[in-house]
Amino acid sequence: MLNVISKLSISAIITKVEDIVDFMSYGVLRTPALVINEKVAVSIRVPAAKELKAIIRNRM
């Protein structure tokens, strides 16, 4: 993910969340998940770099 963000030349804060209560506050019951601007963008899988770029661009 860091590689994709650096290629997009954007500023981002990346936080690894390990508390199940925090997961559930987003409606995430299974990991991994990606939350952008307080909304779940992807869950239960890791997107390929190309898809991740598109997701980030569409959510910014």
Protein backbone atom coordinates (compact mmCIF):
# COMPACT_ATOMS: atom_id res chain seq x y z
CA MET A 1 0.00 0.00 0.00
CA LEU A 2 2.80 2.42 0.80
CA ASN A 3 4.24 1.88 -2.67
CA VAL A 4 0.90 2.74 -4.31
CA ILE A 5 0.46 5.85 -2.17
CA SER A 6 3.95 7.10 -2.96
CA LYS A 7 3.34 6.59 -6.70
CA LEU A 8 0.14 8.63 -6.46
CA SER A 9 2.06 11.43 -4.71
CA ILE A 10 -0.59 11.91 -2.05
CA SER A 11 -0.38 12.49 1.65
CA ALA A 12 -1.95 9.79 3.80
CA ILE A 13 -2.08 8.61 7.37
CA ILE A 14 -1.97 4.82 7.57
CA THR A 15 -3.04 3.14 10.78
CA LYS A 16 -3.09 -0.56 11.56
CA VAL A 17 -6.14 -1.29 13.68
CA GLU A 18 -6.07 -4.42 15.81
CA ASP A 19 -9.01 -3.84 18.18
CA ILE A 20 -12.10 -5.83 17.21
CA VAL A 21 -14.37 -3.13 18.63
CA ASP A 22 -12.81 -0.64 16.20
CA PHE A 23 -13.37 -3.08 13.29
CA MET A 24 -16.98 -3.50 14.23
CA SER A 25 -17.54 0.25 14.42
CA TYR A 26 -17.07 0.23 10.63
CA GLY A 27 -19.22 -2.86 10.16
CA VAL A 28 -16.13 -4.97 9.39
CA LEU A 29 -16.41 -8.49 10.75
CA ARG A 30 -13.49 -10.03 8.85
CA THR A 31 -10.09 -8.64 7.95
CA PRO A 32 -8.24 -7.29 6.11
CA ALA A 33 -10.12 -4.09 5.42
CA LEU A 34 -9.27 -0.69 3.99
CA VAL A 35 -11.04 2.39 5.29
CA ILE A 36 -10.65 5.70 3.45
CA ASN A 37 -12.16 8.88 4.87
CA GLU A 38 -14.11 6.90 7.48
CA LYS A 39 -15.77 4.61 4.88
CA VAL A 40 -14.94 0.97 4.15
CA ALA A 41 -13.43 0.76 0.67
CA VAL A 42 -12.44 -2.93 0.64
CA SER A 43 -12.84 -5.79 3.07
CA ILE A 44 -12.03 -9.50 3.31
CA ARG A 45 -9.34 -9.27 0.60
CA VAL A 46 -6.24 -7.41 -0.48
CA PRO A 47 -6.71 -5.60 -3.80
CA ALA A 48 -4.04 -5.69 -6.49
CA ALA A 49 -1.96 -2.50 -6.86
CA LYS A 50 -3.86 -1.37 -9.98
CA GLU A 51 -7.22 -1.76 -8.25
CA LEU A 52 -5.90 -0.09 -5.11
CA LYS A 53 -4.83 2.96 -7.14
CA ALA A 54 -8.31 3.23 -8.63
CA ILE A 55 -9.98 2.85 -5.22
CA ILE A 56 -7.81 5.56 -3.68
CA ARG A 57 -8.33 7.96 -6.59
CA ASN A 58 -12.10 7.49 -6.47
CA ARG A 59 -12.29 8.04 -2.71
CA MET A 60 -10.12 11.17 -2.50
